[in-house]
Amino acid sequence: MIPRVFAAVLAVTGSVLATPLIARNAPGCPGVFNSIGDVANFTLTAAYKNDTSLTRPLGLVPQTPSLFNSFIAVSDLGTVFTMVNSGIKTVSSSVAVSQPVSSNGFLEFVSFTSFPPTQIYCEFYNTDPNGSLYPYPLLAVNSDSDHFSICPGGLGRQQEVVVYNSTSSCDEVVVMIVQ
């Protein structure tokens, strides 16, 4: 009797253990299991790495004199975004879509275009059993959520802008996705 029960338990356990785990993986963050490429209606907030209690609201700020280009910067405008398939666009009457991001570059968007958003972003959610330093999931570019900074004087203005992988002396931040 016991060998039959053991065989039955082994058969069931073996089939469960042999079932592959399906990793949740966003196109903008290949190989990262704790990433999501679809997030509806969110805003962005920066948290300073040297003082996580210090946060700044972020929004889409126009790049003057251009009417078509804009970038993520410190702003009280409260821009609402949506992420679909790792591309970000604004939720507004004049839709702006994410563009490629290079090292030491701004998080740029372009308006009035039929191009789809560039698929380089994802949301990292915390999987640490001890919790996270941050109250919200983090924004990542190409699987990297650790190299954002707030730098002064973007594009000849006094605006504080978010820069990816900055080579300047700027304040290091993480960018949080707030829903």
Protein backbone atom coordinates (compact mmCIF):
# COMPACT_ATOMS: atom_id res chain seq x y z
CA MET A 1 0.00 0.00 0.00
CA ILE A 2 2.74 2.48 0.95
CA PRO A 3 4.69 1.96 -2.32
CA ARG A 4 1.51 2.80 -4.31
CA VAL A 5 0.88 5.97 -2.30
CA PHE A 6 4.54 6.97 -2.66
CA ALA A 7 4.37 6.31 -6.41
CA ALA A 8 1.20 8.42 -6.72
CA VAL A 9 2.73 11.29 -4.73
CA LEU A 10 5.92 11.09 -6.79
CA ALA A 11 3.95 11.10 -10.03
CA VAL A 12 1.96 14.22 -9.05
CA THR A 13 4.96 16.02 -7.52
CA GLY A 14 7.17 15.15 -10.46
CA SER A 15 4.69 16.59 -12.95
CA VAL A 16 4.33 19.80 -10.91
CA LEU A 17 8.09 20.22 -10.56
CA ALA A 18 8.59 19.55 -14.25
CA THR A 19 6.18 22.36 -15.19
CA PRO A 20 8.25 25.32 -16.42
CA LEU A 21 7.81 28.64 -14.67
CA ILE A 22 6.51 31.36 -16.93
CA ALA A 23 8.55 34.50 -16.39
CA ARG A 24 6.77 37.82 -16.63
CA ASN A 25 8.96 39.70 -19.01
CA ALA A 26 8.54 43.07 -20.70
CA PRO A 27 9.96 43.72 -24.20
CA GLY A 28 11.81 46.78 -22.83
CA CYS A 29 13.52 44.68 -20.15
CA PRO A 30 14.48 41.36 -21.69
CA GLY A 31 15.62 38.66 -19.29
CA VAL A 32 14.22 40.38 -16.19
CA PHE A 33 11.51 38.30 -14.57
CA ASN A 34 10.10 41.03 -12.31
CA SER A 35 9.26 43.51 -15.06
CA ILE A 36 5.98 44.62 -16.58
CA GLY A 37 5.58 46.26 -20.00
CA ASP A 38 1.92 47.31 -19.65
CA VAL A 39 0.92 49.89 -17.04
CA ALA A 40 -2.19 52.07 -17.32
CA ASN A 41 -2.60 55.66 -16.13
CA PHE A 42 0.40 56.55 -14.02
CA THR A 43 2.49 59.56 -13.06
CA LEU A 44 6.22 59.69 -12.39
CA THR A 45 8.02 60.76 -9.22
CA ALA A 46 11.76 60.93 -8.55
CA ALA A 47 13.20 59.77 -5.22
CA TYR A 48 16.72 60.87 -4.36
CA LYS A 49 19.07 57.97 -3.66
CA ASN A 50 20.94 59.85 -0.91
CA ASP A 51 17.64 60.65 0.89
CA THR A 52 14.73 58.44 -0.17
CA SER A 53 12.28 60.61 1.78
CA LEU A 54 12.97 63.47 -0.64
CA THR A 55 10.80 63.13 -3.74
CA ARG A 56 10.00 65.40 -6.69
CA PRO A 57 7.07 65.18 -9.11
CA LEU A 58 8.00 64.67 -12.76
CA GLY A 59 6.12 65.62 -15.90
CA LEU A 60 6.50 66.17 -19.60
CA VAL A 61 7.95 69.62 -20.34
CA PRO A 62 8.07 71.08 -23.87
CA GLN A 63 11.45 71.67 -25.46
CA THR A 64 11.14 75.24 -26.65
CA PRO A 65 11.22 76.47 -29.33
CA SER A 66 10.11 73.08 -30.71
CA LEU A 67 6.39 72.32 -30.65
CA PHE A 68 6.97 68.61 -31.21
CA ASN A 69 9.66 67.56 -28.72
CA SER A 70 9.40 67.31 -24.95
CA PHE A 71 11.25 65.61 -22.11
CA ILE A 72 10.71 64.33 -18.56
CA ALA A 73 11.62 66.99 -16.01
CA VAL A 74 10.79 68.17 -12.52
CA SER A 75 7.31 69.58 -12.90
CA ASP A 76 4.03 70.04 -11.06
CA LEU A 77 2.10 69.56 -14.32
CA GLY A 78 1.02 66.04 -13.35
CA THR A 79 1.44 64.38 -16.74
CA VAL A 80 -0.45 61.09 -16.94
CA PHE A 81 1.23 58.33 -18.94
CA THR A 82 0.39 54.84 -20.09
CA MET A 83 2.81 52.06 -21.01
CA VAL A 84 1.86 49.49 -23.63
CA ASN A 85 4.30 46.81 -24.75
CA SER A 86 7.17 48.77 -23.12
CA GLY A 87 6.44 51.99 -25.02
CA ILE A 88 5.22 55.05 -23.12
CA LYS A 89 2.78 57.67 -24.33
CA THR A 90 0.85 60.47 -22.70
CA VAL A 91 -2.84 60.25 -21.90
CA SER A 92 -3.96 63.61 -23.28
CA SER A 93 -5.47 65.26 -26.34
CA SER A 94 -2.00 65.85 -27.84
CA VAL A 95 -0.39 62.43 -27.51
CA ALA A 96 3.40 62.33 -27.13
CA VAL A 97 5.32 59.06 -27.55
CA SER A 98 8.63 57.86 -26.08
CA GLN A 99 11.79 58.05 -28.16
CA PRO A 100 15.10 56.16 -27.94
CA VAL A 101 17.27 57.04 -24.93
CA SER A 102 21.05 57.17 -25.10
CA SER A 103 23.65 57.36 -22.37
CA ASN A 104 23.79 60.89 -20.94
CA GLY A 105 20.51 61.63 -22.70
CA PHE A 106 17.11 63.02 -21.78
CA LEU A 107 13.96 60.89 -21.62
CA GLU A 108 12.51 62.43 -24.77
CA PHE A 109 9.05 62.30 -26.32
CA VAL A 110 7.72 63.50 -29.66
CA SER A 111 4.19 64.78 -30.36
CA PHE A 112 2.02 64.87 -33.45
CA THR A 113 3.42 61.69 -34.96
CA SER A 114 2.03 58.42 -36.22
CA PHE A 115 5.11 56.53 -35.04
CA PRO A 116 4.61 54.07 -32.19
CA PRO A 117 6.41 54.67 -28.89
CA THR A 118 9.92 53.24 -28.63
CA GLN A 119 9.76 49.98 -26.66
CA ILE A 120 12.57 50.44 -24.12
CA TYR A 121 10.75 50.94 -20.81
CA CYS A 122 9.35 48.67 -18.13
CA GLU A 123 8.15 48.71 -14.56
CA PHE A 124 10.27 46.85 -12.00
CA TYR A 125 8.27 45.60 -9.08
CA ASN A 126 9.85 44.61 -5.80
CA THR A 127 10.37 40.92 -5.08
CA ASP A 128 12.45 41.34 -1.91
CA PRO A 129 10.74 39.59 1.02
CA ASN A 130 12.07 42.34 3.32
CA GLY A 131 10.41 45.09 1.31
CA SER A 132 11.79 47.96 -0.71
CA LEU A 133 13.34 51.33 0.04
CA TYR A 134 10.78 52.84 -2.31
CA PRO A 135 6.98 52.86 -1.91
CA TYR A 136 6.27 52.36 -5.65
CA PRO A 137 7.58 50.25 -8.54
CA LEU A 138 10.52 51.68 -10.48
CA LEU A 139 10.82 52.80 -14.10
CA ALA A 140 13.61 51.11 -16.06
CA VAL A 141 15.21 51.78 -19.45
CA ASN A 142 16.51 48.65 -21.17
CA SER A 143 16.45 46.73 -17.85
CA ASP A 144 18.26 49.52 -15.96
CA SER A 145 16.52 51.38 -13.12
CA ASP A 146 19.72 52.47 -11.35
CA HIS A 147 21.15 55.20 -13.57
CA PHE A 148 18.75 58.15 -13.56
CA SER A 149 19.75 61.61 -12.40
CA ILE A 150 18.19 65.02 -12.06
CA CYS A 151 20.43 67.59 -13.70
CA PRO A 152 20.00 71.38 -13.80
CA GLY A 153 19.69 73.51 -16.90
CA GLY A 154 18.29 71.16 -19.50
CA LEU A 155 18.38 72.39 -23.08
CA GLY A 156 19.44 75.92 -22.20
CA ARG A 157 16.67 76.40 -19.65
CA GLN A 158 16.62 76.52 -15.88
CA GLN A 159 14.50 73.36 -15.91
CA GLU A 160 15.75 70.37 -13.89
CA VAL A 161 15.63 67.40 -16.26
CA VAL A 162 15.88 63.63 -15.87
CA VAL A 163 19.01 62.28 -17.54
CA TYR A 164 19.78 58.63 -18.14
CA ASN A 165 23.31 57.50 -17.22
CA SER A 166 24.57 61.04 -16.71
CA THR A 167 28.27 61.81 -17.08
CA SER A 168 27.82 65.12 -15.23
CA SER A 169 27.73 65.78 -11.53
CA CYS A 170 23.99 65.47 -10.95
CA ASP A 171 21.71 64.15 -8.21
CA GLU A 172 21.13 60.40 -8.54
CA VAL A 173 17.48 59.36 -8.36
CA VAL A 174 15.18 56.46 -9.03
CA VAL A 175 12.05 57.15 -11.06
CA MET A 176 8.93 55.68 -9.47
CA ILE A 177 5.72 54.74 -11.28
CA VAL A 178 2.76 55.99 -9.22
CA GLN A 179 -0.74 54.70 -9.95
